[in-house]
Amino acid sequence: MKNGCRLTNEMYDDLKGNLLFKSFIQEEKHWTSFMEAYVSEDREAVNKLNSLFQKYYTEIRFIAYVTKLIRYTAINFDRKRRLGHLRFPLMLDQPVGMSGDAWIDFIESTETCGETNSFAESFQQKSLYLGYTRLTPKQKEVLELFYRYEASDTEIAKMAGISQQAASRRRKRALEKLREAGKEGGK
C-alpha cells in the first residue's frame, strides 16, 4: 500500500486529542473500522473509514445547523413577543390584581345596559372610574375612540390633528394612569 493511505503513530497521537474524533470512535462500528484501517494496509478499510466519518461529520453538521436554527428562531420569537407587549401594554382581557377579574369585566356591556351616554359611565369599579376622571380631556378622547369606537391610532391621529405616535403615547399614558388607579383600588 502507498504511504499516503497509511495512518502513522504521529497522526494517531494527534487524533487522540481531537474531540470530534473521540466522539466518532465511541460507536463500536466506527472504532472497529478505525482499528482495521490503522492496523491493516488495506485501501478498502481506509475508504470505509472515510465513508463512515463523512456520514458522521454530515450528521454532526446537520445537528449543529438545526440547533442554531431553533435557537435563533426562539430568540426572534421572544423579541417579537416582547415587542408586542411593549406596543400593546394593556389588554382588556388580562387579569387585574388578586381578584382574577379582567379589565373587560369592569366595563359594562352595551347589550346589557344599552348605549351609554359617556365612556366614563361604563366603568363598574370605582377606582377605575376615579382614575378615568383624573385623565386629561385629550386622554379621555383617545381612550373612548380606541376602545368604544375601535378606532386605530392612525384614525385617532387624523381626527385629533396629531401624529400617530402622539395618539399612541396619549393612549399608553392614559392606560398607565388607569392601571395605577386599578392597583390602588385593589389594595
Protein backbone atom coordinates (compact mmCIF):
# COMPACT_ATOMS: atom_id res chain seq x y z
CA MET A 1 0.00 0.00 0.00
CA LYS A 2 1.06 3.58 -0.64
CA ASN A 3 2.43 5.60 2.26
CA GLY A 4 -0.26 8.35 1.80
CA CYS A 5 -3.07 5.98 2.94
CA ARG A 6 -1.24 4.63 5.97
CA LEU A 7 -2.12 6.10 9.36
CA THR A 8 1.11 6.81 11.24
CA ASN A 9 1.64 6.88 15.01
CA GLU A 10 2.07 10.65 14.93
CA MET A 11 -1.28 11.01 13.18
CA TYR A 12 -2.93 8.74 15.74
CA ASP A 13 -1.46 10.81 18.62
CA ASP A 14 -2.87 13.99 17.06
CA LEU A 15 -6.29 12.37 16.64
CA LYS A 16 -6.45 11.30 20.30
CA GLY A 17 -6.75 14.97 21.32
CA ASN A 18 -9.46 15.79 18.78
CA LEU A 19 -12.96 15.94 20.33
CA LEU A 20 -14.71 15.13 17.06
CA PHE A 21 -12.56 12.02 16.65
CA LYS A 22 -13.23 10.98 20.24
CA SER A 23 -16.98 11.23 19.73
CA PHE A 24 -16.68 9.40 16.39
CA ILE A 25 -14.92 6.35 17.82
CA GLN A 26 -17.38 5.96 20.69
CA GLU A 27 -19.61 3.91 18.40
CA GLU A 28 -18.46 0.30 18.17
CA LYS A 29 -18.61 0.05 14.36
CA HIS A 30 -16.58 3.26 13.99
CA TRP A 31 -13.95 2.02 16.44
CA THR A 32 -13.73 -1.32 14.67
CA SER A 33 -13.39 0.36 11.27
CA PHE A 34 -10.71 2.70 12.63
CA MET A 35 -8.68 -0.12 14.14
CA GLU A 36 -8.97 -2.12 10.94
CA ALA A 37 -7.69 0.84 8.88
CA TYR A 38 -4.94 1.57 11.43
CA VAL A 39 -3.62 -1.96 11.67
CA SER A 40 -4.07 -3.17 8.09
CA GLU A 41 -2.65 -1.70 4.95
CA ASP A 42 -5.90 -2.28 3.07
CA ARG A 43 -7.10 0.63 0.93
CA GLU A 44 -10.71 -0.57 1.23
CA ALA A 45 -10.55 -0.33 5.04
CA VAL A 46 -9.34 3.27 4.78
CA ASN A 47 -12.08 4.10 2.26
CA LYS A 48 -14.70 2.51 4.53
CA LEU A 49 -13.41 4.57 7.47
CA ASN A 50 -13.51 7.75 5.35
CA SER A 51 -17.06 6.99 4.26
CA LEU A 52 -18.21 6.37 7.83
CA PHE A 53 -16.53 9.55 9.03
CA GLN A 54 -18.07 11.64 6.23
CA LYS A 55 -21.54 10.38 7.18
CA TYR A 56 -20.86 11.04 10.85
CA TYR A 57 -19.50 14.53 10.17
CA THR A 58 -22.50 15.38 7.96
CA GLU A 59 -24.81 14.31 10.80
CA ILE A 60 -22.91 16.46 13.30
CA ARG A 61 -23.04 19.48 10.97
CA PHE A 62 -26.78 18.98 10.38
CA ILE A 63 -27.47 18.70 14.11
CA ALA A 64 -25.44 21.87 14.74
CA TYR A 65 -27.37 23.68 11.99
CA VAL A 66 -30.77 22.62 13.36
CA THR A 67 -29.72 23.55 16.88
CA LYS A 68 -28.68 27.04 15.79
CA LEU A 69 -31.85 27.39 13.73
CA ILE A 70 -34.02 26.51 16.73
CA ARG A 71 -32.06 28.84 19.00
CA TYR A 72 -32.28 31.86 16.70
CA THR A 73 -35.93 31.18 15.90
CA ALA A 74 -36.68 31.12 19.64
CA ILE A 75 -34.74 34.37 20.15
CA ASN A 76 -36.63 36.08 17.32
CA PHE A 77 -39.96 34.78 18.61
CA ASP A 78 -39.19 36.13 22.07
CA ARG A 79 -38.18 39.52 20.62
CA LYS A 80 -41.43 39.76 18.65
CA ARG A 81 -43.48 38.74 21.70
CA ARG A 82 -41.77 41.33 23.90
CA LEU A 83 -42.17 43.99 21.22
CA GLY A 84 -45.88 43.18 21.04
CA HIS A 85 -46.17 43.59 24.82
CA LEU A 86 -44.43 46.95 24.58
CA ARG A 87 -46.68 48.13 21.77
CA PHE A 88 -49.88 46.99 23.46
CA PRO A 89 -49.18 47.35 27.18
CA LEU A 90 -52.72 46.75 28.41
CA MET A 91 -55.01 44.14 27.02
CA LEU A 92 -58.51 44.26 28.39
CA ASP A 93 -58.67 40.52 28.99
CA GLN A 94 -55.60 40.37 31.27
CA PRO A 95 -56.27 39.68 34.96
CA VAL A 96 -56.30 42.61 37.38
CA GLY A 97 -54.85 42.19 40.86
CA MET A 98 -55.60 39.25 43.12
CA SER A 99 -59.29 39.02 42.21
CA GLY A 100 -58.57 37.45 38.83
CA ASP A 101 -61.11 39.72 37.13
CA ALA A 102 -60.11 41.10 33.75
CA TRP A 103 -60.18 44.76 32.75
CA ILE A 104 -63.03 44.00 30.39
CA ASP A 105 -65.14 42.78 33.33
CA PHE A 106 -65.17 46.29 34.78
CA ILE A 107 -66.74 47.80 31.68
CA GLU A 108 -70.47 47.22 31.22
CA SER A 109 -71.59 45.57 28.05
CA THR A 110 -73.68 47.67 25.67
CA GLU A 111 -76.00 44.66 25.30
CA THR A 112 -76.94 44.65 28.99
CA CYS A 113 -77.20 48.35 29.65
CA GLY A 114 -77.98 49.83 26.25
CA GLU A 115 -75.81 52.52 24.70
CA THR A 116 -74.35 54.67 27.45
CA ASN A 117 -74.04 58.41 27.10
CA SER A 118 -70.39 58.53 28.09
CA PHE A 119 -67.47 56.18 28.26
CA ALA A 120 -66.96 57.05 31.96
CA GLU A 121 -70.40 55.63 32.85
CA SER A 122 -69.34 52.19 31.64
CA PHE A 123 -66.77 51.67 34.42
CA GLN A 124 -68.08 49.38 37.15
CA GLN A 125 -65.10 49.62 39.50
CA LYS A 126 -64.95 52.84 41.47
CA SER A 127 -61.14 53.09 41.41
CA LEU A 128 -61.12 52.87 37.61
CA TYR A 129 -63.86 55.47 37.35
CA LEU A 130 -61.93 57.81 39.65
CA GLY A 131 -58.76 57.14 37.65
CA TYR A 132 -60.64 57.94 34.46
CA THR A 133 -61.90 61.23 35.89
CA ARG A 134 -58.27 62.24 36.59
CA LEU A 135 -57.30 61.85 32.94
CA THR A 136 -56.92 64.88 30.70
CA PRO A 137 -59.74 65.51 28.22
CA LYS A 138 -57.41 64.54 25.36
CA GLN A 139 -56.52 61.22 27.04
CA LYS A 140 -60.23 60.52 27.63
CA GLU A 141 -60.97 61.24 23.99
CA VAL A 142 -58.23 58.88 22.79
CA LEU A 143 -59.39 56.05 25.08
CA GLU A 144 -63.01 56.47 24.07
CA LEU A 145 -62.19 56.45 20.37
CA PHE A 146 -59.85 53.49 20.71
CA TYR A 147 -61.97 51.22 22.95
CA ARG A 148 -65.54 52.38 22.43
CA TYR A 149 -65.41 53.08 18.70
CA GLU A 150 -62.50 50.73 17.91
CA ALA A 151 -60.57 53.40 16.01
CA SER A 152 -56.89 52.76 15.26
CA ASP A 153 -54.13 55.10 16.40
CA THR A 154 -53.85 56.40 12.84
CA GLU A 155 -57.58 57.18 12.67
CA ILE A 156 -57.46 58.86 16.08
CA ALA A 157 -54.48 60.93 14.98
CA LYS A 158 -56.33 62.15 11.88
CA MET A 159 -59.42 63.07 13.94
CA ALA A 160 -57.39 64.89 16.60
CA GLY A 161 -54.96 66.51 14.17
CA ILE A 162 -51.87 64.96 15.78
CA SER A 163 -49.29 62.38 14.73
CA GLN A 164 -49.95 58.67 15.11
CA GLN A 165 -47.11 58.42 17.64
CA ALA A 166 -48.66 61.18 19.76
CA ALA A 167 -52.00 59.37 19.75
CA SER A 168 -50.29 56.14 20.77
CA ARG A 169 -48.38 57.94 23.57
CA ARG A 170 -51.57 59.54 24.89
CA ARG A 171 -53.31 56.18 24.97
CA LYS A 172 -50.38 54.49 26.72
CA ARG A 173 -50.13 57.25 29.35
CA ALA A 174 -53.87 57.08 29.96
CA LEU A 175 -53.74 53.30 30.34
CA GLU A 176 -50.82 53.60 32.73
CA LYS A 177 -52.82 56.03 34.89
CA LEU A 178 -55.80 53.66 34.84
CA ARG A 179 -53.57 50.73 35.73
CA GLU A 180 -52.19 52.65 38.73
CA ALA A 181 -55.72 53.61 39.78
CA GLY A 182 -56.79 49.96 39.48
CA LYS A 183 -53.86 48.85 41.63
CA GLU A 184 -54.65 51.48 44.27
CA GLY A 185 -58.30 50.41 44.34
CA GLY A 186 -57.40 46.72 44.54
CA LYS A 187 -55.40 47.15 47.78
